Amino acid sequence: MKLNAFYRVVILLLAVVPPLLGVEAATPATRQVRERDSIKALMRLAADWQIANPDTRAEHDDLDWTNAALYVGMLDWAELAESEDGDDSYYKWLLRIGRRNQYQVNKRMYHADDIAVAQTFIELYGKVGNSRMIAPVMARANWVVDNISDTATLMLDYGKAETLDRWSWCDALFMAPPVYAKLYALTGDRRYLDFMNREYRATYDYLFDSEEQLFYRDHRYFDKREANGRKVFWGRGNGWVLAGLAEILQSLPAGEESRGFYSDLFVTLATRMASLQSGDGYWHASLLDPSSYPAPESSSTGFILYAIAWGVNEGLLDREAFMPVIEKGWEALVGALEPDGKLGYVQPIGADPRSVTRDMTEVYGTGAFLMAGCQMCRLNQ
C-alpha cells in the first residue's frame, strides 16, 4: 500500500525543511520526532474534519453508540493535544456535548449500546471533578447491577429482542464492559466488577470460537459460511472486542485477580488478528475470506491497530514481532484519509462483512483512527 499524496507531503515537509533551515541535524532521534509530528498533524486533520462534519442523521444523536465510539478517540486526542500543544479545544468540544445532554446516557435501560457514551463522561469527570458529570452514569449502572434483567437465565439468542438486555453480540463487548471497569476503578465498588466479569464470561463462552480464536458477531453466524467455505468472522466485530479489551485492561488494577482472564484473551486475540492482516496492511470486512471483500476497511483496521499498538506500548505484546504489523497497518490506515481529513473505506453500520467504497465514512471510523494515532505517537516517543 503506497502512502497517499498528502501524507507524503507532510513527511517531506517535516523531514526535509527543518534541516534545510539549519534547525537541527537529521539524526534518528529527530526523525522520530518528525514522524510523531506528522502523525499528530494527520490526527488533527481527521478530528477537525469530523467536528466540522457531524453525523446529522436523526437516529445518530449525541448519545448514540456511533458517536460514543468517536468520543473515545476524540478524548484520547484531546489529552494529547492539550498536554503537548496546550490546545484544550477538543476537551471543550466534548464538554459541550456533555453539558447539552446533562451527561445522561441513552434511553434503553440494559442495552449495551446505550451506556457506551458513559465511557467518555467518566473520563471527563476524572478531569473536571464535577459530580453532575458522573451522577447519571452511576444511577444507570447501579440500577442495572442491582436489578439483573429477567432475561439473565436465557441463552444469548440475538434473534430474541429481549436478550438484547444482555451482551448477546460481540460489539457489545466494546460498548458496555469498559464502563463497569472504569466505575470499579473510580469507586472500588465490586458490584461493577462482578457484574462485568459475569456478563463478559457468558458472552465469551457463547460467541468465542476456540478453534479459530475469533468471536462470532452473534449466534446467527454459527453455521454460516463465506464463499470460500470458511466460517464468517466479521473484521470490525472482532476489532470491537479487541479494542474493548484494551479499554478494560487500562482500568483494572494490576493486582485484580480477574485481570488475568482479560489479559490472556487480549494476547490470544491480538496474536490471531496479527496473523490475519492482509498484504495491503488492512484488516478486511471478512477475516477469513478477504478475497470476497477486497476493498480496504478502515474501521476494523483502526480498532485492531489501536489495540495491538497499545499492547506493544504496555509490554503485553512483543515489540519486535508486532512492529511490522503496526507499521504496515498505520500506513494502510493513512491511505484511507483524504487530504481534507475525511476517513474513507468505513463500512456502514452492520453485523457482518459487506462491500465498502472509498467515499463511505462513519464517525466511529474517525474515533478508531484517533485511538490508533495516539498509540502510534506513544510508539514514537
Protein backbone atom coordinates (compact mmCIF):
# COMPACT_ATOMS: atom_id res chain seq x y z
CA MET A 1 0.00 0.00 0.00
CA LYS A 2 1.54 3.31 -1.06
CA LEU A 3 1.31 6.36 1.13
CA ASN A 4 -1.26 8.82 -0.17
CA ALA A 5 -0.04 12.08 -1.63
CA PHE A 6 -0.97 14.21 1.36
CA TYR A 7 0.92 12.03 3.82
CA ARG A 8 4.00 12.05 1.61
CA VAL A 9 3.93 15.85 1.54
CA VAL A 10 3.57 16.06 5.33
CA ILE A 11 6.53 13.74 5.89
CA LEU A 12 8.60 15.57 3.30
CA LEU A 13 7.97 18.95 4.90
CA LEU A 14 8.66 17.72 8.42
CA ALA A 15 11.74 15.73 7.49
CA VAL A 16 13.39 17.97 4.89
CA VAL A 17 12.55 21.61 5.56
CA PRO A 18 13.94 21.90 9.15
CA PRO A 19 17.43 20.64 8.23
CA LEU A 20 17.50 22.98 5.24
CA LEU A 21 16.80 25.85 7.61
CA GLY A 22 19.55 24.66 9.91
CA VAL A 23 17.16 23.91 12.75
CA GLU A 24 18.58 20.53 13.70
CA ALA A 25 20.51 17.64 12.22
CA ALA A 26 18.55 14.73 10.76
CA THR A 27 19.53 12.23 13.43
CA PRO A 28 17.45 9.10 14.13
CA ALA A 29 16.04 10.86 17.19
CA THR A 30 14.93 13.94 15.28
CA ARG A 31 13.48 11.81 12.50
CA GLN A 32 11.40 10.06 15.16
CA VAL A 33 10.17 13.45 16.42
CA ARG A 34 9.22 14.48 12.90
CA GLU A 35 7.39 11.22 12.31
CA ARG A 36 5.48 11.83 15.53
CA ASP A 37 4.67 15.36 14.41
CA SER A 38 3.35 14.04 11.12
CA ILE A 39 1.08 11.60 12.96
CA LYS A 40 -0.27 14.41 15.11
CA ALA A 41 -0.87 16.56 12.05
CA LEU A 42 -2.97 13.82 10.48
CA MET A 43 -4.91 13.26 13.69
CA ARG A 44 -5.69 16.95 13.95
CA LEU A 45 -6.84 16.96 10.34
CA ALA A 46 -9.16 13.99 10.93
CA ALA A 47 -10.54 15.38 14.21
CA ASP A 48 -11.19 18.81 12.73
CA TRP A 49 -12.93 17.36 9.68
CA GLN A 50 -15.20 15.22 11.83
CA ILE A 51 -16.13 18.11 14.13
CA ALA A 52 -16.94 20.24 11.07
CA ASN A 53 -18.93 17.40 9.50
CA PRO A 54 -21.06 15.83 12.23
CA ASP A 55 -23.40 12.95 11.54
CA THR A 56 -26.74 14.75 11.44
CA ARG A 57 -28.96 11.75 10.81
CA ALA A 58 -31.78 11.71 13.33
CA GLU A 59 -31.01 8.18 14.52
CA HIS A 60 -27.43 9.15 15.40
CA ASP A 61 -27.83 11.71 18.15
CA ASP A 62 -25.17 12.78 20.65
CA LEU A 63 -25.77 9.75 22.88
CA ASP A 64 -25.81 7.11 20.16
CA TRP A 65 -23.18 4.35 20.24
CA THR A 66 -21.75 5.59 16.94
CA ASN A 67 -20.82 8.91 18.46
CA ALA A 68 -19.81 7.22 21.71
CA ALA A 69 -17.06 5.41 19.79
CA LEU A 70 -16.00 8.72 18.24
CA TYR A 71 -15.75 10.33 21.67
CA VAL A 72 -13.40 7.62 22.93
CA GLY A 73 -10.93 8.51 20.18
CA MET A 74 -11.56 12.24 20.49
CA LEU A 75 -10.85 12.03 24.23
CA ASP A 76 -7.51 10.34 23.59
CA TRP A 77 -6.67 13.07 21.08
CA ALA A 78 -7.88 15.84 23.43
CA GLU A 79 -5.48 14.65 26.13
CA LEU A 80 -2.57 14.56 23.69
CA ALA A 81 -3.38 17.94 22.14
CA GLU A 82 -3.69 19.65 25.50
CA SER A 83 -0.67 18.06 27.17
CA GLU A 84 1.73 18.66 24.29
CA ASP A 85 0.34 21.67 22.44
CA GLY A 86 -1.71 23.45 25.10
CA ASP A 87 -4.80 23.05 22.92
CA ASP A 88 -7.88 22.42 25.05
CA SER A 89 -10.41 22.96 22.24
CA TYR A 90 -11.15 19.25 21.88
CA TYR A 91 -11.86 18.90 25.59
CA LYS A 92 -14.19 21.90 25.30
CA TRP A 93 -15.99 20.25 22.38
CA LEU A 94 -16.57 17.09 24.41
CA LEU A 95 -17.68 19.08 27.46
CA ARG A 96 -20.21 20.99 25.37
CA ILE A 97 -21.72 17.69 24.24
CA GLY A 98 -21.93 16.50 27.83
CA ARG A 99 -23.50 19.71 29.10
CA ARG A 100 -26.19 19.93 26.43
CA ASN A 101 -27.23 16.38 27.29
CA GLN A 102 -26.91 16.84 31.08
CA TYR A 103 -24.41 13.95 30.97
CA GLN A 104 -27.27 11.47 30.54
CA VAL A 105 -26.79 8.12 28.87
CA ASN A 106 -29.20 6.86 26.22
CA LYS A 107 -32.72 5.52 26.72
CA ARG A 108 -32.70 1.71 26.88
CA MET A 109 -32.03 0.61 30.42
CA TYR A 110 -29.98 -2.55 29.85
CA HIS A 111 -28.82 -2.23 26.24
CA ALA A 112 -25.02 -2.12 25.92
CA ASP A 113 -25.09 0.47 23.14
CA ASP A 114 -26.99 2.95 25.30
CA ILE A 115 -24.42 3.14 28.08
CA ALA A 116 -21.38 3.36 25.78
CA VAL A 117 -21.27 7.15 25.97
CA ALA A 118 -20.64 6.82 29.71
CA GLN A 119 -17.02 5.89 28.98
CA THR A 120 -16.34 9.49 27.98
CA PHE A 121 -18.39 11.06 30.77
CA ILE A 122 -16.48 9.05 33.37
CA GLU A 123 -13.15 10.23 31.94
CA LEU A 124 -14.35 13.85 31.77
CA TYR A 125 -15.40 13.60 35.41
CA GLY A 126 -11.90 12.38 36.24
CA LYS A 127 -10.50 15.51 34.64
CA VAL A 128 -13.00 18.12 35.83
CA GLY A 129 -14.34 16.56 39.04
CA ASN A 130 -17.92 17.84 38.79
CA SER A 131 -20.22 15.27 40.38
CA ARG A 132 -23.03 16.21 37.99
CA MET A 133 -20.97 14.62 35.22
CA ILE A 134 -20.99 11.20 36.85
CA ALA A 135 -24.34 11.04 38.68
CA PRO A 136 -26.50 9.94 35.70
CA VAL A 137 -23.96 7.28 34.70
CA MET A 138 -23.82 5.83 38.19
CA ALA A 139 -27.61 5.93 38.53
CA ARG A 140 -27.97 3.83 35.37
CA ALA A 141 -25.17 1.42 36.24
CA ASN A 142 -26.42 0.99 39.81
CA TRP A 143 -29.89 0.16 38.58
CA VAL A 144 -28.57 -2.45 36.15
CA VAL A 145 -26.30 -4.24 38.63
CA ASP A 146 -28.96 -4.18 41.36
CA ASN A 147 -31.82 -5.25 39.10
CA ILE A 148 -30.48 -8.02 36.90
CA SER A 149 -32.54 -8.39 33.75
CA ASP A 150 -35.25 -11.04 33.74
CA THR A 151 -33.54 -12.48 30.66
CA ALA A 152 -30.43 -13.39 32.65
CA THR A 153 -31.32 -17.07 32.56
CA LEU A 154 -31.85 -17.16 28.78
CA MET A 155 -29.30 -18.18 26.22
CA LEU A 156 -27.71 -15.23 24.42
CA ASP A 157 -30.03 -15.66 21.43
CA TYR A 158 -29.64 -12.46 19.43
CA GLY A 159 -32.75 -13.37 17.46
CA LYS A 160 -34.91 -12.67 20.51
CA ALA A 161 -35.33 -8.97 21.22
CA GLU A 162 -35.41 -9.43 24.97
CA THR A 163 -31.89 -10.88 25.01
CA LEU A 164 -30.54 -7.52 23.85
CA ASP A 165 -30.70 -6.76 27.57
CA ARG A 166 -27.53 -8.86 27.72
CA TRP A 167 -24.28 -8.70 25.74
CA SER A 168 -25.50 -11.10 23.08
CA TRP A 169 -23.49 -9.64 20.19
CA CYS A 170 -19.74 -9.15 20.14
CA ASP A 171 -19.86 -5.37 19.51
CA ALA A 172 -21.37 -5.04 22.98
CA LEU A 173 -18.01 -6.00 24.46
CA PHE A 174 -16.65 -2.60 23.42
CA MET A 175 -19.74 -0.65 24.39
CA ALA A 176 -20.55 -1.70 27.96
CA PRO A 177 -17.77 -3.58 29.83
CA PRO A 178 -15.31 -0.65 29.86
CA VAL A 179 -17.97 1.44 31.60
CA TYR A 180 -18.17 -1.00 34.50
CA ALA A 181 -14.39 -1.39 34.62
CA LYS A 182 -13.99 2.40 34.83
CA LEU A 183 -16.63 2.66 37.54
CA TYR A 184 -14.89 -0.05 39.54
CA ALA A 185 -11.56 1.76 39.20
CA LEU A 186 -13.23 5.01 40.24
CA THR A 187 -15.20 3.74 43.24
CA GLY A 188 -13.73 0.39 44.29
CA ASP A 189 -17.29 -0.98 44.34
CA ARG A 190 -17.05 -4.65 43.40
CA ARG A 191 -20.65 -4.76 42.23
CA TYR A 192 -19.48 -3.22 38.97
CA LEU A 193 -16.61 -5.64 38.58
CA ASP A 194 -18.64 -8.71 39.47
CA PHE A 195 -21.36 -7.75 37.00
CA MET A 196 -18.84 -7.14 34.22
CA ASN A 197 -17.00 -10.39 34.87
CA ARG A 198 -20.18 -12.47 34.92
CA GLU A 199 -21.69 -10.99 31.77
CA TYR A 200 -18.41 -10.90 29.84
CA ARG A 201 -17.68 -14.55 30.57
CA ALA A 202 -21.18 -15.51 29.45
CA THR A 203 -20.66 -13.76 26.11
CA TYR A 204 -17.18 -15.20 25.73
CA ASP A 205 -18.38 -18.73 26.42
CA TYR A 206 -21.16 -18.34 23.85
CA LEU A 207 -19.53 -16.41 20.99
CA PHE A 208 -15.81 -17.25 21.09
CA ASP A 209 -14.72 -19.96 18.65
CA SER A 210 -11.78 -21.69 20.34
CA GLU A 211 -10.72 -23.36 17.10
CA GLU A 212 -10.40 -20.15 15.09
CA GLN A 213 -9.72 -17.99 18.18
CA LEU A 214 -12.19 -15.38 16.96
CA PHE A 215 -15.58 -14.06 18.02
CA TYR A 216 -18.75 -14.65 16.09
CA ARG A 217 -20.78 -11.48 15.75
CA ASP A 218 -23.79 -13.27 17.23
CA HIS A 219 -25.36 -16.72 17.25
CA ARG A 220 -26.87 -16.30 13.77
CA TYR A 221 -23.42 -16.83 12.24
CA PHE A 222 -22.57 -20.13 13.94
CA ASP A 223 -23.48 -22.18 10.88
CA LYS A 224 -22.97 -19.65 8.09
CA ARG A 225 -20.05 -19.90 5.69
CA GLU A 226 -18.26 -17.49 3.37
CA ALA A 227 -17.96 -18.09 -0.38
CA ASN A 228 -14.66 -19.91 0.20
CA GLY A 229 -16.29 -22.26 2.73
CA ARG A 230 -14.72 -20.66 5.80
CA LYS A 231 -16.63 -19.51 8.87
CA VAL A 232 -17.97 -15.96 8.97
CA PHE A 233 -15.93 -13.73 11.25
CA TRP A 234 -16.51 -10.01 10.85
CA GLY A 235 -13.47 -7.74 10.87
CA ARG A 236 -14.97 -4.84 12.77
CA GLY A 237 -16.80 -7.15 15.13
CA ASN A 238 -13.51 -8.62 16.30
CA GLY A 239 -12.00 -5.16 16.26
CA TRP A 240 -14.69 -4.04 18.70
CA VAL A 241 -13.78 -6.88 21.05
CA LEU A 242 -10.02 -6.33 20.90
CA ALA A 243 -10.28 -2.57 21.39
CA GLY A 244 -12.73 -3.13 24.24
CA LEU A 245 -10.25 -5.43 25.95
CA ALA A 246 -7.60 -2.73 25.75
CA GLU A 247 -10.02 -0.29 27.37
CA ILE A 248 -10.89 -2.75 30.15
CA LEU A 249 -7.25 -3.51 30.90
CA GLN A 250 -6.46 0.19 31.22
CA SER A 251 -8.92 0.38 34.12
CA LEU A 252 -8.37 -2.86 36.03
CA PRO A 253 -5.76 -2.65 38.80
CA ALA A 254 -2.65 -4.77 38.29
CA GLY A 255 -3.43 -6.95 41.29
CA GLU A 256 -7.04 -7.64 40.39
CA GLU A 257 -7.50 -11.41 40.08
CA SER A 258 -9.87 -11.29 37.11
CA ARG A 259 -7.40 -9.21 35.12
CA GLY A 260 -5.60 -12.39 34.04
CA PHE A 261 -8.57 -13.58 32.00
CA TYR A 262 -8.80 -10.33 30.06
CA SER A 263 -5.05 -10.10 29.58
CA ASP A 264 -4.77 -13.66 28.28
CA LEU A 265 -7.71 -13.15 25.93
CA PHE A 266 -6.23 -9.89 24.70
CA VAL A 267 -2.91 -11.55 23.80
CA THR A 268 -4.66 -14.50 22.16
CA LEU A 269 -6.95 -12.34 20.05
CA ALA A 270 -4.23 -9.80 19.17
CA THR A 271 -1.92 -12.57 18.02
CA ARG A 272 -4.66 -14.12 15.93
CA MET A 273 -5.59 -10.78 14.39
CA ALA A 274 -1.97 -10.05 13.51
CA SER A 275 -1.88 -13.30 11.56
CA LEU A 276 -4.95 -12.22 9.57
CA GLN A 277 -3.66 -8.85 8.40
CA SER A 278 -3.89 -8.67 4.63
CA GLY A 279 -0.92 -7.91 2.43
CA ASP A 280 -2.19 -4.37 1.86
CA GLY A 281 -1.96 -3.67 5.60
CA TYR A 282 -5.72 -3.62 6.23
CA TRP A 283 -7.97 -6.00 8.06
CA HIS A 284 -10.83 -6.57 5.67
CA ALA A 285 -14.55 -6.89 6.33
CA SER A 286 -14.28 -10.70 6.33
CA LEU A 287 -11.32 -12.02 8.28
CA LEU A 288 -11.25 -15.50 6.73
CA ASP A 289 -12.39 -14.63 3.20
CA PRO A 290 -10.80 -11.28 2.34
CA SER A 291 -10.79 -12.07 -1.37
CA SER A 292 -14.58 -11.84 -1.37
CA TYR A 293 -14.31 -8.38 0.21
CA PRO A 294 -11.14 -6.98 -1.38
CA ALA A 295 -11.76 -3.31 -0.56
CA PRO A 296 -9.97 -1.79 2.43
CA GLU A 297 -11.99 -1.47 5.65
CA SER A 298 -10.64 1.29 7.83
CA SER A 299 -12.82 0.96 10.93
CA SER A 300 -11.77 -2.63 11.63
CA THR A 301 -8.19 -1.66 10.81
CA GLY A 302 -8.31 1.32 13.17
CA PHE A 303 -9.66 -0.58 16.17
CA ILE A 304 -7.33 -3.54 15.69
CA LEU A 305 -4.30 -1.33 15.11
CA TYR A 306 -5.12 0.71 18.20
CA ALA A 307 -5.27 -2.37 20.39
CA ILE A 308 -2.13 -4.01 19.04
CA ALA A 309 -0.13 -0.79 19.32
CA TRP A 310 -1.43 -0.30 22.86
CA GLY A 311 -0.41 -3.87 23.68
CA VAL A 312 3.13 -3.19 22.50
CA ASN A 313 3.27 0.09 24.40
CA GLU A 314 2.18 -1.70 27.58
CA GLY A 315 4.57 -4.61 27.16
CA LEU A 316 1.82 -7.19 26.67
CA LEU A 317 2.89 -7.87 23.08
CA ASP A 318 6.43 -8.36 21.80
CA ARG A 319 7.61 -5.20 20.08
CA GLU A 320 9.88 -6.89 17.55
CA ALA A 321 7.20 -9.34 16.47
CA PHE A 322 4.34 -6.85 16.21
CA MET A 323 6.00 -3.67 14.90
CA PRO A 324 5.90 -4.78 11.24
CA VAL A 325 2.16 -5.37 11.64
CA ILE A 326 1.70 -1.97 13.26
CA GLU A 327 3.76 -0.07 10.71
CA LYS A 328 2.00 -1.69 7.77
CA GLY A 329 -1.38 -1.13 9.38
CA TRP A 330 -0.77 2.58 10.06
CA GLU A 331 0.45 3.18 6.52
CA ALA A 332 -2.69 1.48 5.23
CA LEU A 333 -4.97 3.46 7.54
CA VAL A 334 -3.42 6.75 6.49
CA GLY A 335 -4.02 5.72 2.89
CA ALA A 336 -7.77 5.91 3.61
CA LEU A 337 -7.52 9.53 4.80
CA GLU A 338 -8.46 12.20 2.28
CA PRO A 339 -6.44 15.45 2.08
CA ASP A 340 -9.26 17.30 3.85
CA GLY A 341 -9.30 14.82 6.77
CA LYS A 342 -12.26 12.64 5.82
CA LEU A 343 -11.61 8.98 6.58
CA GLY A 344 -12.86 6.73 3.82
CA TYR A 345 -13.44 2.98 3.40
CA VAL A 346 -15.50 2.80 6.61
CA GLN A 347 -18.05 0.00 6.44
CA PRO A 348 -21.50 1.36 7.33
CA ILE A 349 -23.42 0.11 10.35
CA GLY A 350 -24.00 -3.62 10.09
CA ALA A 351 -23.46 -7.02 11.63
CA ASP A 352 -21.43 -8.90 9.05
CA PRO A 353 -18.96 -8.39 6.19
CA ARG A 354 -20.21 -6.06 3.45
CA SER A 355 -18.67 -4.26 0.49
CA VAL A 356 -17.02 -0.92 1.17
CA THR A 357 -16.09 2.03 -1.06
CA ARG A 358 -13.69 4.90 -0.53
CA ASP A 359 -16.44 7.50 -0.19
CA MET A 360 -18.01 5.70 2.80
CA THR A 361 -17.33 7.20 6.22
CA GLU A 362 -18.81 6.98 9.72
CA VAL A 363 -17.98 8.73 12.97
CA TYR A 364 -16.80 5.56 14.69
CA GLY A 365 -14.18 5.16 11.96
CA THR A 366 -12.72 8.54 12.90
CA GLY A 367 -12.79 7.51 16.55
CA ALA A 368 -10.78 4.40 15.73
CA PHE A 369 -8.31 6.45 13.67
CA LEU A 370 -7.70 8.83 16.58
CA MET A 371 -7.31 5.98 19.06
CA ALA A 372 -4.75 4.31 16.79
CA GLY A 373 -2.93 7.55 16.14
CA CYS A 374 -2.44 8.27 19.83
CA GLN A 375 -0.83 4.87 20.32
CA MET A 376 1.37 5.48 17.27
CA CYS A 377 2.53 8.68 18.93
CA ARG A 378 3.40 6.73 22.08
CA LEU A 379 5.46 4.33 19.99
CA ASN A 380 7.40 7.30 18.63
CA GLN A 381 8.21 8.95 21.96
